[in-house]
Protein backbone atom coordinates (compact mmCIF):
# COMPACT_ATOMS: atom_id res chain seq x y z
CA MET A 1 208.62 70.82 76.79
CA ASN A 2 207.10 72.40 79.82
CA ARG A 3 205.83 75.95 80.08
CA SER A 4 209.00 77.50 81.58
CA GLN A 5 211.13 76.25 78.66
CA ILE A 6 208.68 77.70 76.13
CA VAL A 7 208.68 81.04 77.95
CA ALA A 8 212.50 81.03 78.04
CA ILE A 9 212.71 80.34 74.30
CA ILE A 10 210.18 83.07 73.47
CA THR A 11 211.88 85.68 75.67
CA GLY A 12 215.27 84.71 74.21
CA ALA A 13 213.93 85.15 70.67
CA ILE A 14 212.44 88.55 71.58
CA SER A 15 215.76 89.58 73.10
CA ILE A 16 217.68 88.60 69.97
CA LEU A 17 215.19 90.48 67.75
CA LEU A 18 215.50 93.61 69.91
CA ALA A 19 219.31 93.38 69.79
CA ILE A 20 219.29 93.08 65.98
CA ALA A 21 216.85 95.99 65.66
CA TYR A 22 219.08 98.09 67.95
CA LEU A 23 222.15 97.31 65.85
CA ILE A 24 220.29 98.26 62.66
CA VAL A 25 219.15 101.58 64.16
CA VAL A 26 222.69 102.36 65.36
CA GLN A 27 224.09 101.59 61.90
CA ILE A 28 221.52 103.86 60.25
CA ILE A 29 222.28 106.72 62.63
CA ASP A 30 226.04 106.20 62.27
CA TYR A 31 225.77 106.14 58.47
CA ARG A 32 224.44 109.70 58.30
CA ASP A 33 227.01 112.36 57.47
CA MET A 34 227.13 114.49 60.58
CA LYS A 35 228.89 117.84 60.23
CA PRO A 36 229.94 119.84 63.28
CA ALA A 37 228.42 123.26 63.88
CA PRO A 38 230.46 126.17 62.53
CA ILE A 39 232.52 127.90 65.20
CA SER A 40 231.11 131.29 64.18
CA GLU A 41 227.58 130.26 65.15
CA LEU A 42 228.50 129.12 68.65
CA SER A 43 227.98 131.77 71.30
CA PRO A 44 230.40 131.90 74.25
CA VAL A 45 229.14 130.92 77.68
CA VAL A 46 229.84 133.43 80.43
CA ILE A 47 229.99 132.29 84.05
CA ILE A 48 229.87 134.87 86.85
CA ALA A 49 230.30 133.73 90.45
CA SER A 50 230.56 135.77 93.63
CA SER A 51 230.36 135.08 97.34
CA ASN A 52 228.62 137.01 100.12
CA LEU A 53 230.84 135.59 102.87
CA PRO A 54 232.83 138.41 104.59
CA ASN A 55 236.16 136.54 104.87
CA LEU A 56 236.12 135.01 101.39
CA GLN A 57 237.03 137.08 98.39
CA LEU A 58 235.66 135.30 95.32
CA ASP A 59 234.87 137.19 92.18
CA ILE A 60 235.23 135.09 89.06
CA ILE A 61 234.31 135.94 85.53
CA ALA A 62 235.13 133.11 83.17
CA LYS A 63 234.59 132.78 79.47
CA VAL A 64 234.19 129.16 78.45
C-alpha cells in the first residue's frame, strides 16, 4: 500500500470512532430524565415598541 491509502484508512477509522463516540454521547444525554420547568417559575416577556416617524402610528405592548 502506498501512503495515500494508509492515510485514507487512518482518517476513515478516526471518522468511525468519532461517529460512535457521538452516538454514545447522544444516547447518554437522551437517557436522562428531563423535566420541563414549572409554568409558575417562568416570567412573562414584555415587548414595547414605538416609532418616532410622524406619519406612522405604532404603539405596541405585547405580552409573550
